C-alpha atoms as a PDB file:
ATOM      1  CA  MET A   1     -70.444   2.347  54.057  1.00  0.00           C
ATOM      2  CA  THR A   2     -72.348   3.947  51.174  1.00  0.00           C
ATOM      3  CA  ASN A   3     -75.851   3.191  52.501  1.00  0.00           C
ATOM      4  CA  ALA A   4     -76.299   5.429  55.833  1.00  0.00           C
ATOM      5  CA  ASN A   5     -79.713   3.436  56.386  1.00  0.00           C
ATOM      6  CA  ALA A   6     -78.252  -0.016  56.247  1.00  0.00           C
ATOM      7  CA  TYR A   7     -78.889  -2.172  59.235  1.00  0.00           C
ATOM      8  CA  ILE A   8     -75.732  -3.639  61.114  1.00  0.00           C
ATOM      9  CA  PRO A   9     -76.290  -5.421  64.230  1.00  0.00           C
ATOM     10  CA  GLU A  10     -74.001  -5.755  67.090  1.00  0.00           C
ATOM     11  CA  ARG A  11     -74.380  -9.449  67.011  1.00  0.00           C
ATOM     12  CA  ALA A  12     -75.883 -11.825  64.676  1.00  0.00           C
ATOM     13  CA  MET A  13     -76.631 -15.630  64.770  1.00  0.00           C
ATOM     14  CA  PHE A  14     -77.300 -17.649  61.851  1.00  0.00           C
ATOM     15  CA  ILE A  15     -78.791 -21.066  62.422  1.00  0.00           C
ATOM     16  CA  PHE A  16     -78.913 -23.810  59.604  1.00  0.00           C
ATOM     17  CA  ALA A  17     -79.611 -27.497  59.397  1.00  0.00           C
ATOM     18  CA  HIS A  18     -76.774 -28.371  57.086  1.00  0.00           C
ATOM     19  CA  PRO A  19     -73.160 -27.204  56.703  1.00  0.00           C
ATOM     20  CA  ASP A  20     -73.223 -25.587  53.114  1.00  0.00           C
ATOM     21  CA  ASP A  21     -76.590 -23.939  54.057  1.00  0.00           C
ATOM     22  CA  ILE A  22     -74.934 -20.765  55.156  1.00  0.00           C
ATOM     23  CA  GLU A  23     -73.053 -20.267  52.088  1.00  0.00           C
ATOM     24  CA  PHE A  24     -75.941 -20.625  49.829  1.00  0.00           C
ATOM     25  CA  GLY A  25     -78.332 -18.761  51.806  1.00  0.00           C
ATOM     26  CA  THR A  26     -76.647 -15.891  53.944  1.00  0.00           C
ATOM     27  CA  ALA A  27     -73.042 -15.580  53.522  1.00  0.00           C
ATOM     28  CA  GLY A  28     -73.108 -12.534  51.847  1.00  0.00           C
ATOM     29  CA  THR A  29     -75.054 -10.773  54.551  1.00  0.00           C
ATOM     30  CA  ALA A  30     -72.811 -12.421  57.268  1.00  0.00           C
ATOM     31  CA  ALA A  31     -69.716 -11.214  55.624  1.00  0.00           C
ATOM     32  CA  LYS A  32     -70.943  -7.802  55.223  1.00  0.00           C
ATOM     33  CA  TRP A  33     -71.987  -7.575  58.848  1.00  0.00           C
ATOM     34  CA  ALA A  34     -68.750  -9.062  59.911  1.00  0.00           C
ATOM     35  CA  LYS A  35     -66.986  -6.562  57.939  1.00  0.00           C
ATOM     36  CA  TYR A  36     -68.669  -3.550  59.580  1.00  0.00           C
ATOM     37  CA  GLY A  37     -68.128  -4.990  63.089  1.00  0.00           C
ATOM     38  CA  SER A  38     -70.800  -7.475  63.867  1.00  0.00           C
ATOM     39  CA  ASP A  39     -70.077 -10.308  66.130  1.00  0.00           C
ATOM     40  CA  VAL A  40     -71.131 -13.192  63.694  1.00  0.00           C
ATOM     41  CA  THR A  41     -71.827 -16.640  65.089  1.00  0.00           C
ATOM     42  CA  TYR A  42     -72.921 -19.574  62.848  1.00  0.00           C
ATOM     43  CA  ILE A  43     -74.734 -22.752  64.436  1.00  0.00           C
ATOM     44  CA  VAL A  44     -75.118 -25.741  62.109  1.00  0.00           C
ATOM     45  CA  LEU A  45     -77.279 -28.398  63.348  1.00  0.00           C
ATOM     46  CA  THR A  46     -75.818 -31.406  61.691  1.00  0.00           C
ATOM     47  CA  ASP A  47     -72.424 -32.569  60.830  1.00  0.00           C
ATOM     48  CA  GLY A  48     -72.668 -33.102  57.059  1.00  0.00           C
ATOM     49  CA  ASN A  49     -71.939 -36.833  57.304  1.00  0.00           C
ATOM     50  CA  ILE A  50     -74.582 -37.770  54.712  1.00  0.00           C
ATOM     51  CA  GLY A  51     -74.889 -36.901  51.018  1.00  0.00           C
ATOM     52  CA  SER A  52     -71.898 -38.329  49.248  1.00  0.00           C
ATOM     53  CA  ARG A  53     -71.796 -41.137  46.759  1.00  0.00           C
ATOM     54  CA  GLU A  54     -68.063 -41.361  46.277  1.00  0.00           C
ATOM     55  CA  ALA A  55     -66.740 -44.910  46.625  1.00  0.00           C
ATOM     56  CA  GLY A  56     -65.157 -45.440  49.913  1.00  0.00           C
ATOM     57  CA  MET A  57     -66.391 -42.152  51.673  1.00  0.00           C
ATOM     58  CA  THR A  58     -67.454 -42.983  55.282  1.00  0.00           C
ATOM     59  CA  ALA A  59     -69.746 -40.925  57.174  1.00  0.00           C
ATOM     60  CA  GLU A  60     -66.832 -39.954  59.591  1.00  0.00           C
ATOM     61  CA  LYS A  61     -64.650 -38.859  56.696  1.00  0.00           C
ATOM     62  CA  LEU A  62     -67.260 -36.819  55.296  1.00  0.00           C
ATOM     63  CA  ALA A  63     -68.216 -35.332  58.434  1.00  0.00           C
ATOM     64  CA  LYS A  64     -64.517 -34.289  58.738  1.00  0.00           C
ATOM     65  CA  ILE A  65     -64.484 -32.710  55.403  1.00  0.00           C
ATOM     66  CA  ARG A  66     -67.444 -30.820  56.124  1.00  0.00           C
ATOM     67  CA  ARG A  67     -66.127 -29.299  59.177  1.00  0.00           C
ATOM     68  CA  ARG A  68     -62.911 -28.316  57.422  1.00  0.00           C
ATOM     69  CA  GLU A  69     -65.018 -26.839  54.398  1.00  0.00           C
ATOM     70  CA  GLN A  70     -67.265 -24.820  57.007  1.00  0.00           C
ATOM     71  CA  SER A  71     -64.320 -23.326  58.939  1.00  0.00           C
ATOM     72  CA  GLU A  72     -62.703 -22.161  55.870  1.00  0.00           C
ATOM     73  CA  ALA A  73     -65.733 -20.752  54.145  1.00  0.00           C
ATOM     74  CA  ALA A  74     -66.348 -18.808  57.614  1.00  0.00           C
ATOM     75  CA  GLU A  75     -62.879 -17.405  57.354  1.00  0.00           C
ATOM     76  CA  VAL A  76     -63.383 -16.092  54.032  1.00  0.00           C
ATOM     77  CA  ALA A  77     -66.738 -14.668  55.008  1.00  0.00           C
ATOM     78  CA  GLY A  78     -64.924 -12.849  57.920  1.00  0.00           C
END
């Protein structure tokens, strides 16, 4: 790491209301901390089943899509 004064916690927990809030809010920090050894945990309080105007999209289908997207994004972040 280039910044000797950077704070890297042993463990970190990120809590958000919606599935994509993490990616838009703190994904960079979570990825950095994970890269340097932090045990990073995400907690998402809703399943993301609301918010689509796509014809034929059900709440159940949308929640399943959001769970997959969240898992894939977490893998990318580390």
